Amino acid sequence: MRLWRVYRQAFGPGLDGAGGLYKPGRWHSQGKPVTYFGASPAIVVLERLVHLDPANLESDLMLGMFEGDLSMVDAGDLHLVIDLLGNVELTRDAGDQFLSKKSACLMRVNSVILPEEFSFVFNPLHMDASKIALVSERPFAFDERLL
């Protein structure tokens, strides 16, 4: 499986899930180790862009491609998921349950920005977590027309 991620070079690829310890996300509560990936470079760029503060634009962004043979569960039917996406408490609860059960390393979820695209919630505490590897990376900068 091929996965994508935009991350700060200063912090590395984030495979340890440390970012989830400091703030909550769509699919996890604060204090949970977790890493988010995307199914394509385009969706990870859009996901990063939506959380971007142009006044504090990071200059050390990297676009990384990862590969691994990881176990996966699916969050569910697109129409049900679209209804769920509007309620962050429900998505966090679903993500927290996924992380604590450790039934799979990845949970495939629909993107809130573009529900036809997929993001992945990665559990770094799952036994398969060591099977993912950074295959390639390159410096990434947002085209100024997007900002």
C-alpha atoms as a PDB file:
ATOM      1  CA  MET A   1       0.000   0.000   0.000  1.00  0.00           C
ATOM      2  CA  ARG A   2       1.219   3.498  -0.859  1.00  0.00           C
ATOM      3  CA  LEU A   3       0.489   6.409   1.502  1.00  0.00           C
ATOM      4  CA  TRP A   4       1.367  10.108   1.443  1.00  0.00           C
ATOM      5  CA  ARG A   5       2.080  12.718   4.084  1.00  0.00           C
ATOM      6  CA  VAL A   6       3.161  16.362   4.332  1.00  0.00           C
ATOM      7  CA  TYR A   7       5.274  16.992   7.424  1.00  0.00           C
ATOM      8  CA  ARG A   8       7.858  19.362   8.833  1.00  0.00           C
ATOM      9  CA  GLN A   9      11.435  18.309   8.248  1.00  0.00           C
ATOM     10  CA  ALA A  10      12.328  19.518  11.743  1.00  0.00           C
ATOM     11  CA  PHE A  11      10.010  16.883  13.266  1.00  0.00           C
ATOM     12  CA  GLY A  12      10.510  14.087  10.740  1.00  0.00           C
ATOM     13  CA  PRO A  13       7.890  11.816   9.186  1.00  0.00           C
ATOM     14  CA  GLY A  14       5.975  11.434  12.442  1.00  0.00           C
ATOM     15  CA  LEU A  15       5.642   7.668  12.421  1.00  0.00           C
ATOM     16  CA  ASP A  16       5.748   7.617  16.228  1.00  0.00           C
ATOM     17  CA  GLY A  17       2.424   9.469  16.387  1.00  0.00           C
ATOM     18  CA  ALA A  18       3.771  12.069  18.831  1.00  0.00           C
ATOM     19  CA  GLY A  19       1.738  14.859  17.233  1.00  0.00           C
ATOM     20  CA  GLY A  20      -1.461  13.311  18.569  1.00  0.00           C
ATOM     21  CA  LEU A  21      -0.199  13.747  22.118  1.00  0.00           C
ATOM     22  CA  TYR A  22      -0.298  17.545  21.879  1.00  0.00           C
ATOM     23  CA  LYS A  23      -3.620  18.309  20.227  1.00  0.00           C
ATOM     24  CA  PRO A  24      -6.797  16.560  19.125  1.00  0.00           C
ATOM     25  CA  GLY A  25      -7.663  15.829  15.506  1.00  0.00           C
ATOM     26  CA  ARG A  26     -10.708  14.832  13.503  1.00  0.00           C
ATOM     27  CA  TRP A  27     -10.210  11.147  14.375  1.00  0.00           C
ATOM     28  CA  HIS A  28      -8.499  11.226  17.792  1.00  0.00           C
ATOM     29  CA  SER A  29      -8.565  12.892  21.198  1.00  0.00           C
ATOM     30  CA  GLN A  30      -5.549  14.720  22.550  1.00  0.00           C
ATOM     31  CA  GLY A  31      -3.089  12.365  24.206  1.00  0.00           C
ATOM     32  CA  LYS A  32      -3.461   9.530  21.685  1.00  0.00           C
ATOM     33  CA  PRO A  33      -0.431   8.657  19.531  1.00  0.00           C
ATOM     34  CA  VAL A  34      -1.631   8.795  15.917  1.00  0.00           C
ATOM     35  CA  THR A  35      -0.412   9.762  12.442  1.00  0.00           C
ATOM     36  CA  TYR A  36      -2.552  10.804   9.490  1.00  0.00           C
ATOM     37  CA  PHE A  37      -1.797   9.845   5.886  1.00  0.00           C
ATOM     38  CA  GLY A  38      -3.557  10.360   2.575  1.00  0.00           C
ATOM     39  CA  ALA A  39      -4.232   8.149  -0.415  1.00  0.00           C
ATOM     40  CA  SER A  40      -2.760  10.725  -2.803  1.00  0.00           C
ATOM     41  CA  PRO A  41      -0.346  13.652  -2.712  1.00  0.00           C
ATOM     42  CA  ALA A  42      -3.220  15.977  -3.664  1.00  0.00           C
ATOM     43  CA  ILE A  43      -5.365  15.149  -0.640  1.00  0.00           C
ATOM     44  CA  VAL A  44      -2.505  15.532   1.850  1.00  0.00           C
ATOM     45  CA  VAL A  45      -1.742  18.952   0.362  1.00  0.00           C
ATOM     46  CA  LEU A  46      -5.412  19.986   0.682  1.00  0.00           C
ATOM     47  CA  GLU A  47      -5.587  18.643   4.229  1.00  0.00           C
ATOM     48  CA  ARG A  48      -2.455  20.590   5.195  1.00  0.00           C
ATOM     49  CA  LEU A  49      -3.702  23.721   3.434  1.00  0.00           C
ATOM     50  CA  VAL A  50      -6.970  23.790   5.385  1.00  0.00           C
ATOM     51  CA  HIS A  51      -5.032  23.926   8.674  1.00  0.00           C
ATOM     52  CA  LEU A  52      -2.463  26.445   7.447  1.00  0.00           C
ATOM     53  CA  ASP A  53      -1.921  29.883   8.926  1.00  0.00           C
ATOM     54  CA  PRO A  54      -0.295  31.886   6.089  1.00  0.00           C
ATOM     55  CA  ALA A  55       1.234  34.254   8.663  1.00  0.00           C
ATOM     56  CA  ASN A  56       3.186  31.339  10.151  1.00  0.00           C
ATOM     57  CA  LEU A  57       4.031  29.403   7.006  1.00  0.00           C
ATOM     58  CA  GLU A  58       6.528  26.643   7.721  1.00  0.00           C
ATOM     59  CA  SER A  59       9.524  26.715   5.384  1.00  0.00           C
ATOM     60  CA  ASP A  60      10.672  23.151   5.995  1.00  0.00           C
ATOM     61  CA  LEU A  61       7.733  21.111   4.667  1.00  0.00           C
ATOM     62  CA  MET A  62       8.379  17.727   3.092  1.00  0.00           C
ATOM     63  CA  LEU A  63       6.145  15.566   0.923  1.00  0.00           C
ATOM     64  CA  GLY A  64       6.775  11.924   1.729  1.00  0.00           C
ATOM     65  CA  MET A  65       5.684   8.724   0.045  1.00  0.00           C
ATOM     66  CA  PHE A  66       5.418   5.671   2.286  1.00  0.00           C
ATOM     67  CA  GLU A  67       4.822   2.012   1.549  1.00  0.00           C
ATOM     68  CA  GLY A  68       3.908  -0.939   3.690  1.00  0.00           C
ATOM     69  CA  ASP A  69       1.831  -4.068   3.920  1.00  0.00           C
ATOM     70  CA  LEU A  70      -0.478  -2.918   6.702  1.00  0.00           C
ATOM     71  CA  SER A  71      -3.716  -4.290   8.113  1.00  0.00           C
ATOM     72  CA  MET A  72      -6.659  -1.962   7.509  1.00  0.00           C
ATOM     73  CA  VAL A  73     -10.275  -1.399   8.461  1.00  0.00           C
ATOM     74  CA  ASP A  74     -12.684   0.879   6.624  1.00  0.00           C
ATOM     75  CA  ALA A  75     -14.700   3.552   8.445  1.00  0.00           C
ATOM     76  CA  GLY A  76     -17.789   2.619   6.433  1.00  0.00           C
ATOM     77  CA  ASP A  77     -20.174   3.508   3.662  1.00  0.00           C
ATOM     78  CA  LEU A  78     -19.550   6.934   2.072  1.00  0.00           C
ATOM     79  CA  HIS A  79     -23.059   8.276   2.742  1.00  0.00           C
ATOM     80  CA  LEU A  80     -22.960   7.232   6.393  1.00  0.00           C
ATOM     81  CA  VAL A  81     -19.473   8.652   6.788  1.00  0.00           C
ATOM     82  CA  ILE A  82     -20.455  12.004   5.246  1.00  0.00           C
ATOM     83  CA  ASP A  83     -23.175  12.317   7.918  1.00  0.00           C
ATOM     84  CA  LEU A  84     -20.657  11.368  10.613  1.00  0.00           C
ATOM     85  CA  LEU A  85     -17.966  13.799   9.423  1.00  0.00           C
ATOM     86  CA  GLY A  86     -19.948  16.818  10.580  1.00  0.00           C
ATOM     87  CA  ASN A  87     -19.799  15.686  14.209  1.00  0.00           C
ATOM     88  CA  VAL A  88     -16.219  15.842  15.449  1.00  0.00           C
ATOM     89  CA  GLU A  89     -17.141  14.241  18.778  1.00  0.00           C
ATOM     90  CA  LEU A  90     -18.446  11.156  16.966  1.00  0.00           C
ATOM     91  CA  THR A  91     -15.409  10.920  14.680  1.00  0.00           C
ATOM     92  CA  ARG A  92     -13.027  11.332  17.625  1.00  0.00           C
ATOM     93  CA  ASP A  93     -14.857   8.637  19.534  1.00  0.00           C
ATOM     94  CA  ALA A  94     -14.703   6.286  16.505  1.00  0.00           C
ATOM     95  CA  GLY A  95     -10.999   7.012  16.073  1.00  0.00           C
ATOM     96  CA  ASP A  96     -10.221   6.559  19.760  1.00  0.00           C
ATOM     97  CA  GLN A  97     -12.005   3.199  19.705  1.00  0.00           C
ATOM     98  CA  PHE A  98     -10.026   2.159  16.609  1.00  0.00           C
ATOM     99  CA  LEU A  99      -6.755   3.145  18.285  1.00  0.00           C
ATOM    100  CA  SER A 100      -7.497   1.378  21.553  1.00  0.00           C
ATOM    101  CA  LYS A 101      -8.801  -1.864  19.981  1.00  0.00           C
ATOM    102  CA  LYS A 102      -5.655  -2.244  17.820  1.00  0.00           C
ATOM    103  CA  SER A 103      -7.633  -4.474  15.438  1.00  0.00           C
ATOM    104  CA  ALA A 104      -5.753  -2.986  12.461  1.00  0.00           C
ATOM    105  CA  CYS A 105      -2.868  -0.617  11.827  1.00  0.00           C
ATOM    106  CA  LEU A 106      -4.838   1.698   9.517  1.00  0.00           C
ATOM    107  CA  MET A 107      -8.372   2.988   9.422  1.00  0.00           C
ATOM    108  CA  ARG A 108      -9.458   4.324   6.038  1.00  0.00           C
ATOM    109  CA  VAL A 109     -11.675   7.396   6.376  1.00  0.00           C
ATOM    110  CA  ASN A 110     -13.243   9.829   3.952  1.00  0.00           C
ATOM    111  CA  SER A 111     -11.724  13.290   3.810  1.00  0.00           C
ATOM    112  CA  VAL A 112     -13.909  16.057   5.211  1.00  0.00           C
ATOM    113  CA  ILE A 113     -12.627  18.429   2.529  1.00  0.00           C
ATOM    114  CA  LEU A 114     -13.410  16.075  -0.338  1.00  0.00           C
ATOM    115  CA  PRO A 115     -15.349  13.006   0.850  1.00  0.00           C
ATOM    116  CA  GLU A 116     -14.581  11.102  -2.364  1.00  0.00           C
ATOM    117  CA  GLU A 117     -10.906  11.081  -1.304  1.00  0.00           C
ATOM    118  CA  PHE A 118      -9.412   9.006   1.492  1.00  0.00           C
ATOM    119  CA  SER A 119      -7.246   9.693   4.482  1.00  0.00           C
ATOM    120  CA  PHE A 120      -5.795   7.065   6.778  1.00  0.00           C
ATOM    121  CA  VAL A 121      -5.529   7.016  10.555  1.00  0.00           C
ATOM    122  CA  PHE A 122      -2.309   5.180  11.445  1.00  0.00           C
ATOM    123  CA  ASN A 123      -1.915   3.507  14.834  1.00  0.00           C
ATOM    124  CA  PRO A 124       1.807   3.569  15.712  1.00  0.00           C
ATOM    125  CA  LEU A 125       1.136   1.213  18.642  1.00  0.00           C
ATOM    126  CA  HIS A 126      -0.198  -1.580  16.420  1.00  0.00           C
ATOM    127  CA  MET A 127       2.070  -4.595  15.865  1.00  0.00           C
ATOM    128  CA  ASP A 128       2.139  -3.892  12.078  1.00  0.00           C
ATOM    129  CA  ALA A 129       3.351  -0.298  12.540  1.00  0.00           C
ATOM    130  CA  SER A 130       6.978  -1.240  11.886  1.00  0.00           C
ATOM    131  CA  LYS A 131       6.009  -2.473   8.391  1.00  0.00           C
ATOM    132  CA  ILE A 132       5.679   1.061   6.998  1.00  0.00           C
ATOM    133  CA  ALA A 133       8.691   2.753   5.454  1.00  0.00           C
ATOM    134  CA  LEU A 134       9.457   6.152   3.989  1.00  0.00           C
ATOM    135  CA  VAL A 135      10.247   5.404   0.334  1.00  0.00           C
ATOM    136  CA  SER A 136      10.883   8.928  -0.937  1.00  0.00           C
ATOM    137  CA  GLU A 137      10.585  12.508   0.178  1.00  0.00           C
ATOM    138  CA  ARG A 138      11.123  15.924  -1.293  1.00  0.00           C
ATOM    139  CA  PRO A 139      10.908  19.517  -0.106  1.00  0.00           C
ATOM    140  CA  PHE A 140       7.413  20.918  -0.521  1.00  0.00           C
ATOM    141  CA  ALA A 141       6.206  24.514  -0.754  1.00  0.00           C
ATOM    142  CA  PHE A 142       2.687  25.738  -1.375  1.00  0.00           C
ATOM    143  CA  ASP A 143       2.155  27.564  -4.623  1.00  0.00           C
ATOM    144  CA  GLU A 144       1.593  31.174  -3.549  1.00  0.00           C
ATOM    145  CA  ARG A 145      -1.637  31.300  -5.567  1.00  0.00           C
ATOM    146  CA  LEU A 146      -3.164  28.940  -2.980  1.00  0.00           C
ATOM    147  CA  LEU A 147      -2.357  31.220  -0.067  1.00  0.00           C
END
